[in-house]
N, C-alpha and C. Protein backbone atom coordinates (compact mmCIF):
# COMPACT_ATOMS: atom_id res chain seq x y z
N MET A 1 95.20 0.10 59.69
CA MET A 1 94.13 0.48 59.56
C MET A 1 93.06 -0.37 58.72
N THR A 2 93.62 -0.50 57.18
CA THR A 2 93.18 -1.45 56.47
C THR A 2 94.02 -2.33 55.72
N SER A 3 93.61 -3.38 55.10
CA SER A 3 94.11 -4.72 54.90
C SER A 3 94.98 -4.22 53.49
N THR A 4 96.07 -5.07 53.11
CA THR A 4 96.85 -4.96 52.13
C THR A 4 96.74 -6.27 51.54
N SER A 5 96.79 -6.48 49.90
CA SER A 5 96.62 -7.58 49.46
C SER A 5 97.45 -7.18 47.93
N SER A 6 97.04 -8.26 47.16
CA SER A 6 97.86 -7.84 45.34
C SER A 6 96.40 -7.20 44.94
N ALA A 7 95.51 -7.68 45.08
CA ALA A 7 94.07 -6.86 44.78
C ALA A 7 92.89 -7.24 45.60
N ASP A 8 91.76 -6.74 45.30
CA ASP A 8 90.78 -6.48 46.13
C ASP A 8 89.49 -6.75 45.11
N ALA A 9 88.72 -7.51 44.74
CA ALA A 9 88.10 -7.85 43.90
C ALA A 9 86.95 -7.13 43.93
N ASP A 10 86.62 -6.10 44.93
CA ASP A 10 85.42 -5.32 45.11
C ASP A 10 85.95 -4.10 45.00
N CYS A 11 87.17 -3.79 44.59
CA CYS A 11 87.80 -2.44 44.59
C CYS A 11 87.73 -1.99 43.41
N LEU A 12 87.09 -0.46 43.44
CA LEU A 12 87.32 -0.05 41.91
C LEU A 12 88.48 0.33 41.35
N PHE A 13 89.45 0.61 42.22
CA PHE A 13 90.71 1.05 41.65
C PHE A 13 92.19 -0.07 41.46
N CYS A 14 91.48 -1.25 41.74
CA CYS A 14 92.12 -2.35 41.44
C CYS A 14 91.46 -2.87 40.08
N LYS A 15 90.17 -2.64 39.86
CA LYS A 15 89.69 -2.92 38.45
C LYS A 15 90.09 -2.05 37.69
N ILE A 16 90.35 -0.60 37.73
CA ILE A 16 91.12 0.28 36.86
C ILE A 16 92.66 -0.55 36.97
N VAL A 17 93.11 -0.63 37.76
CA VAL A 17 94.11 -1.42 37.53
C VAL A 17 94.67 -2.59 36.51
N ALA A 18 93.54 -3.15 36.50
CA ALA A 18 93.58 -4.91 35.76
C ALA A 18 93.05 -4.52 34.48
N GLY A 19 92.38 -3.24 34.21
CA GLY A 19 91.94 -2.82 32.70
C GLY A 19 90.48 -3.36 32.70
N HIS A 20 89.58 -3.62 33.83
CA HIS A 20 88.15 -4.37 34.05
C HIS A 20 87.47 -3.03 33.91
N VAL A 21 87.64 -1.85 34.03
CA VAL A 21 87.39 -0.47 34.51
C VAL A 21 88.10 0.49 33.60
N PRO A 22 87.45 1.25 32.36
CA PRO A 22 88.19 2.15 32.18
C PRO A 22 88.28 3.32 32.63
N ALA A 23 89.68 4.20 32.33
CA ALA A 23 90.20 5.64 33.00
C ALA A 23 90.92 5.90 32.27
N ASP A 24 91.28 7.30 32.09
CA ASP A 24 92.03 8.32 31.29
C ASP A 24 93.33 8.33 31.84
N VAL A 25 94.24 7.11 31.67
CA VAL A 25 95.59 6.88 32.30
C VAL A 25 96.41 8.12 31.56
N VAL A 26 97.13 8.82 32.36
CA VAL A 26 97.97 9.68 31.72
C VAL A 26 99.44 9.48 32.18
N ALA A 27 99.90 8.78 33.02
CA ALA A 27 101.17 7.88 33.29
C ALA A 27 101.17 6.62 33.89
N SER A 28 102.12 5.80 33.65
CA SER A 28 102.51 4.68 34.75
C SER A 28 103.68 4.35 34.76
N SER A 29 104.24 3.15 35.61
CA SER A 29 105.45 2.96 35.80
C SER A 29 105.07 1.36 36.09
N GLU A 30 106.10 0.68 36.55
CA GLU A 30 105.75 -0.63 37.05
C GLU A 30 104.76 -1.07 38.03
N ARG A 31 104.61 0.06 38.99
CA ARG A 31 104.02 -0.41 40.09
C ARG A 31 103.06 0.63 40.11
N VAL A 32 103.33 1.81 39.49
CA VAL A 32 102.23 2.80 40.17
C VAL A 32 101.29 3.42 38.69
N ILE A 33 100.01 3.78 38.64
CA ILE A 33 99.37 4.41 37.66
C ILE A 33 98.77 5.70 38.23
N ALA A 34 98.58 6.67 37.20
CA ALA A 34 98.37 7.83 37.51
C ALA A 34 96.83 8.35 36.34
N PHE A 35 95.62 8.48 36.99
CA PHE A 35 94.55 8.31 35.96
C PHE A 35 93.74 9.91 36.29
N ARG A 36 93.17 10.66 35.31
CA ARG A 36 92.18 11.77 35.60
C ARG A 36 91.06 11.38 36.56
N ASP A 37 91.04 12.20 37.59
CA ASP A 37 89.68 12.32 38.57
C ASP A 37 88.46 12.13 37.60
N ILE A 38 87.36 11.62 37.97
CA ILE A 38 86.13 11.61 36.92
C ILE A 38 85.58 12.89 37.43
N ALA A 39 85.68 13.66 38.60
CA ALA A 39 84.78 14.92 39.29
C ALA A 39 86.21 16.01 39.92
N PRO A 40 86.87 16.51 38.40
CA PRO A 40 87.98 17.47 39.14
C PRO A 40 87.64 18.27 39.79
N GLN A 41 88.52 18.73 40.69
CA GLN A 41 88.23 20.08 41.41
C GLN A 41 89.40 20.90 41.15
N ALA A 42 89.85 20.89 40.01
CA ALA A 42 91.04 21.94 39.52
C ALA A 42 91.38 21.52 38.13
N PRO A 43 92.06 22.35 37.18
CA PRO A 43 92.35 22.03 35.86
C PRO A 43 92.96 20.89 35.84
N VAL A 44 93.94 20.67 36.69
CA VAL A 44 94.73 19.23 36.74
C VAL A 44 94.18 18.65 38.18
N HIS A 45 93.46 17.52 37.69
CA HIS A 45 93.35 16.75 38.89
C HIS A 45 93.38 15.13 38.56
N VAL A 46 94.49 14.60 39.24
CA VAL A 46 94.65 13.06 38.49
C VAL A 46 94.97 12.64 39.84
N LEU A 47 94.50 11.27 40.15
CA LEU A 47 94.78 10.70 41.18
C LEU A 47 96.32 9.42 41.03
N VAL A 48 97.09 9.05 41.58
CA VAL A 48 98.02 8.82 41.52
C VAL A 48 97.85 7.20 42.57
N VAL A 49 98.01 6.17 42.17
CA VAL A 49 97.39 4.78 42.81
C VAL A 49 98.75 3.94 42.54
N PRO A 50 99.08 3.10 43.75
CA PRO A 50 100.06 1.86 43.49
C PRO A 50 98.93 1.18 42.95
N LYS A 51 99.73 0.17 42.11
CA LYS A 51 99.06 -1.23 41.48
C LYS A 51 98.53 -2.13 42.58
N GLU A 52 99.34 -2.42 43.51
CA GLU A 52 99.13 -3.52 44.54
C GLU A 52 98.30 -2.63 45.47
N HIS A 53 97.27 -3.45 45.94
CA HIS A 53 95.94 -2.85 47.10
C HIS A 53 96.93 -2.70 48.28
N TYR A 54 96.35 -1.41 48.80
CA TYR A 54 96.84 -0.85 50.04
C TYR A 54 95.68 0.03 50.44
N GLY A 55 95.00 -0.15 51.56
CA GLY A 55 93.79 0.14 52.13
C GLY A 55 93.70 1.93 52.13
N ASP A 56 95.21 2.31 52.92
CA ASP A 56 95.30 3.92 53.11
C ASP A 56 96.71 3.84 53.00
N VAL A 57 96.98 5.31 53.00
CA VAL A 57 98.28 5.98 53.05
C VAL A 57 99.36 5.29 53.99
N ALA A 58 98.92 5.11 55.51
CA ALA A 58 99.64 5.09 56.43
C ALA A 58 99.79 3.26 56.64
N VAL A 59 98.92 2.46 55.81
CA VAL A 59 99.49 1.25 55.76
C VAL A 59 100.58 0.99 54.64
N LEU A 60 100.40 1.82 53.43
CA LEU A 60 101.15 1.78 52.66
C LEU A 60 102.61 2.52 53.27
N ALA A 61 102.91 3.23 54.00
CA ALA A 61 103.65 3.93 54.20
C ALA A 61 104.40 2.73 55.35
N ALA A 62 103.83 2.46 56.31
CA ALA A 62 104.44 1.02 57.28
C ALA A 62 104.76 -0.36 56.46
N SER A 63 103.84 -0.59 55.46
CA SER A 63 104.55 -1.75 54.61
C SER A 63 105.46 -1.65 53.56
N ASP A 64 105.37 -0.46 52.74
CA ASP A 64 106.21 -0.41 51.37
C ASP A 64 106.79 1.13 51.10
N PRO A 65 107.37 1.70 52.40
CA PRO A 65 108.05 3.17 51.72
C PRO A 65 108.14 3.27 50.64
N ALA A 66 109.11 2.27 50.10
CA ALA A 66 109.82 2.52 48.42
C ALA A 66 108.39 2.93 47.69
N LEU A 67 107.40 2.12 48.15
CA LEU A 67 106.24 2.31 46.72
C LEU A 67 105.58 3.69 47.03
N LEU A 68 105.51 4.06 48.29
CA LEU A 68 105.26 5.38 48.55
C LEU A 68 105.97 6.19 48.16
N ALA A 69 106.99 6.27 48.17
CA ALA A 69 108.00 7.51 47.31
C ALA A 69 108.06 7.36 45.60
N GLU A 70 107.89 6.14 45.12
CA GLU A 70 107.09 5.80 43.57
C GLU A 70 105.99 6.79 43.30
N VAL A 71 104.90 6.32 44.35
CA VAL A 71 103.60 7.25 44.23
C VAL A 71 103.75 8.70 43.85
N VAL A 72 104.95 9.35 44.86
CA VAL A 72 104.98 10.63 45.09
C VAL A 72 105.93 10.93 43.78
N ALA A 73 106.85 10.37 43.07
CA ALA A 73 107.37 10.52 42.45
C ALA A 73 106.82 10.51 41.16
N LEU A 74 106.05 9.68 41.16
CA LEU A 74 105.04 9.80 39.80
C LEU A 74 104.29 10.92 39.79
N ALA A 75 103.48 11.42 40.78
CA ALA A 75 102.78 12.73 40.87
C ALA A 75 103.72 13.91 40.56
N ASP A 76 104.80 13.94 41.06
CA ASP A 76 105.77 14.99 40.35
C ASP A 76 105.93 14.93 38.91
N GLU A 77 105.97 13.79 38.63
CA GLU A 77 106.21 13.84 37.13
C GLU A 77 105.02 14.38 36.14
N VAL A 78 103.85 13.72 36.92
CA VAL A 78 102.16 14.09 36.15
C VAL A 78 102.25 15.73 36.17
N ALA A 79 102.61 16.27 37.43
CA ALA A 79 102.37 17.82 37.63
C ALA A 79 103.12 18.68 36.63
N GLY A 80 104.75 17.97 36.69
CA GLY A 80 105.48 18.26 35.61
C GLY A 80 104.89 18.46 34.21
N GLU A 81 104.35 17.22 33.88
CA GLU A 81 103.78 17.05 32.23
C GLU A 81 102.64 18.00 32.09
N LEU A 82 101.56 18.32 32.85
CA LEU A 82 100.43 18.62 32.55
C LEU A 82 99.98 19.65 33.21
N SER A 83 101.03 20.46 33.93
CA SER A 83 101.12 22.03 34.65
C SER A 83 102.41 22.36 34.64
N ASP A 84 102.54 23.32 35.39
CA ASP A 84 103.91 24.04 35.52
C ASP A 84 104.54 23.30 36.80
N GLY A 85 104.25 22.21 37.48
CA GLY A 85 105.29 21.60 38.17
C GLY A 85 104.77 21.58 39.69
N GLN A 86 104.05 22.68 40.01
CA GLN A 86 103.89 23.07 41.25
C GLN A 86 102.40 22.36 41.06
N PHE A 87 102.29 21.55 42.90
CA PHE A 87 101.31 21.26 42.90
C PHE A 87 101.17 20.71 44.18
N ARG A 88 99.68 20.28 44.57
CA ARG A 88 99.38 20.06 46.00
C ARG A 88 99.06 18.04 45.98
N LEU A 89 99.66 17.65 46.92
CA LEU A 89 99.15 16.15 46.78
C LEU A 89 98.60 15.91 48.02
N ILE A 90 97.35 15.46 47.88
CA ILE A 90 96.38 14.91 48.67
C ILE A 90 96.17 13.39 49.17
N PHE A 91 96.15 13.30 50.36
CA PHE A 91 96.11 11.80 50.66
C PHE A 91 94.65 11.60 51.75
N ASN A 92 93.48 11.30 51.55
CA ASN A 92 92.60 11.29 52.50
C ASN A 92 92.78 10.01 53.07
N ASN A 93 92.45 9.97 54.23
CA ASN A 93 92.88 9.02 55.29
C ASN A 93 91.91 8.72 56.21
N GLY A 94 90.97 7.46 56.03
CA GLY A 94 89.90 7.25 56.30
C GLY A 94 88.67 8.05 55.94
N PRO A 95 87.55 7.29 56.52
CA PRO A 95 86.12 8.18 55.72
C PRO A 95 85.80 9.35 56.80
N HIS A 96 86.16 9.61 57.68
CA HIS A 96 86.23 10.94 58.08
C HIS A 96 87.03 11.86 57.43
N ALA A 97 87.95 11.61 56.88
CA ALA A 97 88.77 12.41 56.43
C ALA A 97 88.55 12.59 54.76
N GLY A 98 87.36 11.93 54.13
CA GLY A 98 87.01 12.10 52.96
C GLY A 98 87.57 11.09 52.00
N GLN A 99 87.89 10.02 52.76
CA GLN A 99 88.78 8.85 51.79
C GLN A 99 87.04 7.80 51.58
N SER A 100 86.79 7.75 49.94
CA SER A 100 85.67 6.83 49.48
C SER A 100 85.80 5.95 48.84
N VAL A 101 87.20 5.94 48.19
CA VAL A 101 87.50 4.17 47.56
C VAL A 101 88.89 3.97 48.69
N PHE A 102 88.70 2.82 49.20
CA PHE A 102 89.62 2.25 50.32
C PHE A 102 90.89 1.27 49.57
N HIS A 103 91.67 2.41 48.62
CA HIS A 103 92.56 1.82 47.77
C HIS A 103 93.17 3.23 48.10
N VAL A 104 94.74 3.14 48.66
CA VAL A 104 95.59 4.53 48.84
C VAL A 104 95.26 5.12 47.54
N HIS A 105 95.56 6.36 47.37
CA HIS A 105 95.64 7.25 45.97
C HIS A 105 95.71 8.64 46.49
N GLY A 106 96.83 9.09 46.05
CA GLY A 106 96.73 10.61 45.93
C GLY A 106 96.45 11.44 44.91
N HIS A 107 95.87 12.81 45.45
CA HIS A 107 95.12 13.47 44.46
C HIS A 107 96.04 14.62 44.01
N VAL A 108 96.71 14.59 42.89
CA VAL A 108 97.62 15.33 42.08
C VAL A 108 96.78 16.69 41.81
N ILE A 109 96.58 17.99 42.26
CA ILE A 109 95.82 18.80 42.27
C ILE A 109 96.58 20.05 41.75
N SER A 110 96.28 20.74 40.21
CA SER A 110 97.41 21.48 40.01
C SER A 110 96.59 22.27 38.79
N GLY A 111 97.36 23.33 38.24
CA GLY A 111 96.88 23.98 36.98
C GLY A 111 96.19 25.16 37.16
N ALA A 112 96.33 25.91 38.44
CA ALA A 112 95.80 27.02 38.88
C ALA A 112 96.41 27.63 40.11
N ARG A 113 96.34 28.85 40.66
CA ARG A 113 96.74 29.32 41.64
C ARG A 113 95.75 28.37 42.70
N LEU A 114 96.40 28.17 43.67
CA LEU A 114 95.48 26.85 44.78
C LEU A 114 95.84 28.14 45.93
N GLY A 115 94.60 28.06 46.45
CA GLY A 115 94.75 29.04 47.70
C GLY A 115 94.18 28.01 49.14
N TRP A 116 94.03 28.67 50.26
CA TRP A 116 94.08 27.67 51.41
C TRP A 116 92.89 28.30 52.37
N THR A 117 91.99 27.80 52.57
CA THR A 117 91.02 28.13 53.18
C THR A 117 90.55 27.32 54.38
N PRO A 118 91.39 27.33 55.99
CA PRO A 118 90.84 26.25 57.06
C PRO A 118 89.29 26.19 56.86
N ALA A 119 89.29 25.22 57.41
CA ALA A 119 87.95 25.08 58.14
C ALA A 119 87.13 25.47 59.32
């Protein structure tokens, strides 16, 4: 769906990765960074982002499944450090699914009992 590259000059998350835009970073590895969402939907709401630019999760899965596994592993680590280790990991894939920043990112939602309300 969306292209891949090392960085996208117009991408907010690429700017965060480069240190040009501040973020409350809670964890990072060589290829992945995790920072608090600026509009949290739960007591723990952290975005887990590959440092390399991939437009969405489907492109990442097709291009570098090992990196997607690293994103999930860091999400698990963050949930264990910031809450009880139980979490929801959400990837919005495309604008109709609610994706507003087109750099793949998983939302780690935790810190409270999470219900499910189907639309």
